């Protein structure tokens, strides 16, 4: 089982888009039983009285535009923001962040990245120029299409990486 945790600041845009894009990709390949995929936030800003906010409506609309969310595996209706926990580091194999601030803040929560598990999602991009870059933050840009493109690129590259390593 390959355990993947996507991480962004609030867990209402970039990381849940990443979670459900990857879920859609592995489901379409018929390999979803090989994965556990989730997402979390580095902040608690979208969590109130212990309950996280749902995926931001424009992010939901972007997923729906790409026919994601129509199966029990990709249904995001009950997805709620949650914050990264220290124990996530030991539990997950990959903690894939949307930007470098997410990496720094994840390490503050989980402790030192001694196993090199915390990385940028776009480090897996097929395009070498994209590696080391941030996923467009639609909270500020309002460009959910660009965020989706970035996420799709990173997730496709991540699956190719796993295939090349004979992990899937």
Protein backbone atom coordinates (compact mmCIF):
# COMPACT_ATOMS: atom_id res chain seq x y z
CA UNK A 1 0.00 0.00 0.00
CA UNK A 2 1.36 3.40 -1.03
CA UNK A 3 0.21 6.09 1.38
CA UNK A 4 0.15 9.65 0.04
CA UNK A 5 -0.74 12.83 1.92
CA UNK A 6 -1.12 16.04 -0.08
CA UNK A 7 -0.50 19.23 1.88
CA UNK A 8 -1.31 22.91 1.37
CA UNK A 9 -2.02 25.85 3.66
CA UNK A 10 -5.75 25.44 4.34
CA UNK A 11 -6.75 22.06 2.84
CA UNK A 12 -9.65 23.59 0.92
CA UNK A 13 -8.10 24.16 -2.54
CA UNK A 14 -4.76 22.77 -3.71
CA UNK A 15 -4.34 19.70 -1.52
CA UNK A 16 -7.90 18.38 -1.88
CA UNK A 17 -7.74 18.98 -5.64
CA UNK A 18 -4.53 16.92 -5.59
CA UNK A 19 -6.12 14.21 -3.45
CA UNK A 20 -9.07 13.73 -5.76
CA UNK A 21 -7.13 14.09 -9.02
CA UNK A 22 -4.80 11.29 -7.91
CA UNK A 23 -7.76 9.21 -6.72
CA UNK A 24 -9.35 9.67 -10.15
CA UNK A 25 -6.13 8.68 -11.92
CA UNK A 26 -5.56 5.51 -9.89
CA UNK A 27 -9.22 4.52 -10.16
CA UNK A 28 -9.12 4.87 -13.94
CA UNK A 29 -6.00 2.68 -13.99
CA UNK A 30 -7.70 0.11 -11.73
CA UNK A 31 -5.02 0.35 -9.06
CA UNK A 32 -6.86 2.21 -6.29
CA UNK A 33 -6.48 -0.75 -3.91
CA UNK A 34 -2.72 -0.08 -3.96
CA UNK A 35 -3.16 3.42 -2.55
CA UNK A 36 -4.31 5.35 0.45
CA UNK A 37 -4.65 9.01 -0.53
CA UNK A 38 -5.58 11.94 1.71
CA UNK A 39 -4.90 15.64 2.18
CA UNK A 40 -4.27 18.05 5.04
CA UNK A 41 -3.41 21.64 5.95
CA UNK A 42 -0.44 23.19 7.65
CA UNK A 43 -2.72 25.76 9.31
CA UNK A 44 -5.89 25.47 11.35
CA UNK A 45 -7.51 28.48 9.67
CA UNK A 46 -10.17 26.38 7.95
CA UNK A 47 -10.98 24.33 11.04
CA UNK A 48 -13.58 25.63 13.48
CA UNK A 49 -14.48 23.95 16.78
CA UNK A 50 -12.80 20.77 15.61
CA UNK A 51 -14.66 20.61 12.27
CA UNK A 52 -12.94 21.48 9.02
CA UNK A 53 -14.50 23.45 6.22
CA UNK A 54 -15.45 21.63 3.00
CA UNK A 55 -13.51 22.02 -0.23
CA UNK A 56 -13.83 25.60 -1.46
CA UNK A 57 -16.78 25.76 -3.93
CA UNK A 58 -14.72 26.97 -6.94
CA UNK A 59 -12.28 24.09 -6.31
CA UNK A 60 -15.24 21.69 -6.25
CA UNK A 61 -16.44 23.19 -9.53
CA UNK A 62 -13.02 22.64 -11.12
CA UNK A 63 -13.02 18.98 -10.07
CA UNK A 64 -16.56 18.55 -11.44
CA UNK A 65 -15.50 20.21 -14.71
CA UNK A 66 -13.09 17.27 -15.14
CA UNK A 67 -15.74 14.70 -14.15
CA UNK A 68 -14.10 14.00 -10.80
CA UNK A 69 -16.36 13.17 -7.90
CA UNK A 70 -18.83 10.91 -9.69
CA UNK A 71 -17.76 7.60 -8.13
CA UNK A 72 -17.78 6.46 -4.51
CA UNK A 73 -13.95 6.52 -4.53
CA UNK A 74 -13.70 10.09 -5.87
CA UNK A 75 -16.77 11.54 -4.15
CA UNK A 76 -15.52 14.61 -2.27
CA UNK A 77 -18.84 15.71 -0.75
CA UNK A 78 -17.78 14.79 2.78
CA UNK A 79 -14.17 15.98 2.55
CA UNK A 80 -13.34 18.36 5.39
CA UNK A 81 -10.15 20.28 6.10
CA UNK A 82 -7.84 18.77 8.68
CA UNK A 83 -4.44 19.79 9.94
CA UNK A 84 -1.27 17.77 9.50
CA UNK A 85 -0.36 15.81 12.64
CA UNK A 86 3.05 14.74 13.91
CA UNK A 87 2.12 11.07 13.45
CA UNK A 88 1.36 11.64 9.76
CA UNK A 89 5.08 11.55 9.09
CA UNK A 90 5.42 7.93 10.18
CA UNK A 91 2.10 6.86 8.67
CA UNK A 92 2.45 8.24 5.12
CA UNK A 93 5.11 7.27 2.59
CA UNK A 94 4.88 10.58 0.69
CA UNK A 95 3.93 14.00 2.03
CA UNK A 96 3.56 16.06 -1.14
CA UNK A 97 3.35 19.81 -0.65
CA UNK A 98 1.96 22.54 -2.87
CA UNK A 99 4.76 25.03 -2.13
CA UNK A 100 7.96 25.52 -0.13
CA UNK A 101 6.18 27.29 2.73
CA UNK A 102 4.08 24.13 3.12
CA UNK A 103 7.29 22.10 3.37
CA UNK A 104 8.68 24.36 6.10
CA UNK A 105 5.41 24.36 8.03
CA UNK A 106 4.96 20.60 7.69
CA UNK A 107 8.43 20.03 9.11
CA UNK A 108 7.54 22.34 12.03
CA UNK A 109 4.62 20.03 12.79
CA UNK A 110 6.09 16.60 12.02
CA UNK A 111 9.72 17.17 12.90
CA UNK A 112 12.80 16.77 10.76
CA UNK A 113 12.37 15.02 7.39
CA UNK A 114 14.86 12.25 8.11
CA UNK A 115 13.42 9.90 5.45
CA UNK A 116 13.04 12.46 2.63
CA UNK A 117 9.27 11.98 2.53
CA UNK A 118 8.32 15.67 2.35
CA UNK A 119 8.56 17.00 -1.18
CA UNK A 120 6.93 19.36 -3.64
CA UNK A 121 4.33 17.71 -5.86
CA UNK A 122 5.77 19.49 -8.88
CA UNK A 123 9.16 17.87 -8.23
CA UNK A 124 7.57 14.94 -10.09
CA UNK A 125 6.64 17.01 -13.15
CA UNK A 126 7.61 15.68 -16.56
CA UNK A 127 8.83 19.20 -17.35
CA UNK A 128 12.20 19.75 -15.62
CA UNK A 129 11.53 23.51 -15.57
CA UNK A 130 8.49 22.93 -13.31
CA UNK A 131 10.44 21.00 -10.69
CA UNK A 132 10.97 23.03 -7.55
CA UNK A 133 8.02 25.28 -8.39
CA UNK A 134 4.82 25.91 -6.49
CA UNK A 135 1.36 24.87 -7.52
CA UNK A 136 -0.61 27.99 -8.42
CA UNK A 137 -2.59 29.08 -5.36
CA UNK A 138 -6.12 29.77 -6.61
CA UNK A 139 -7.07 31.45 -3.34
CA UNK A 140 -5.05 34.42 -4.59
CA UNK A 141 -5.00 33.91 -8.36
CA UNK A 142 -8.59 32.70 -8.79
CA UNK A 143 -7.12 30.50 -11.56
CA UNK A 144 -8.47 27.10 -10.60
CA UNK A 145 -7.75 25.90 -14.15
CA UNK A 146 -4.03 26.62 -13.64
CA UNK A 147 -4.08 24.87 -10.28
CA UNK A 148 -5.72 21.83 -11.87
CA UNK A 149 -3.11 21.83 -14.65
CA UNK A 150 -0.27 21.99 -12.13
CA UNK A 151 -1.77 19.23 -9.99
CA UNK A 152 -2.48 17.01 -12.99
CA UNK A 153 1.11 17.43 -14.18
CA UNK A 154 2.53 16.58 -10.76
CA UNK A 155 0.25 13.59 -10.22
CA UNK A 156 0.98 12.11 -13.66
CA UNK A 157 4.69 12.48 -13.01
CA UNK A 158 4.32 10.94 -9.55
CA UNK A 159 2.57 7.88 -10.99
CA UNK A 160 5.28 7.58 -13.65
CA UNK A 161 7.90 7.74 -10.90
CA UNK A 162 6.15 4.90 -9.03
CA UNK A 163 5.88 2.86 -12.25
CA UNK A 164 9.57 3.39 -13.01
CA UNK A 165 10.38 2.16 -9.48
CA UNK A 166 8.15 -0.91 -10.10
CA UNK A 167 5.98 0.11 -7.15
CA UNK A 168 2.75 -0.07 -9.16
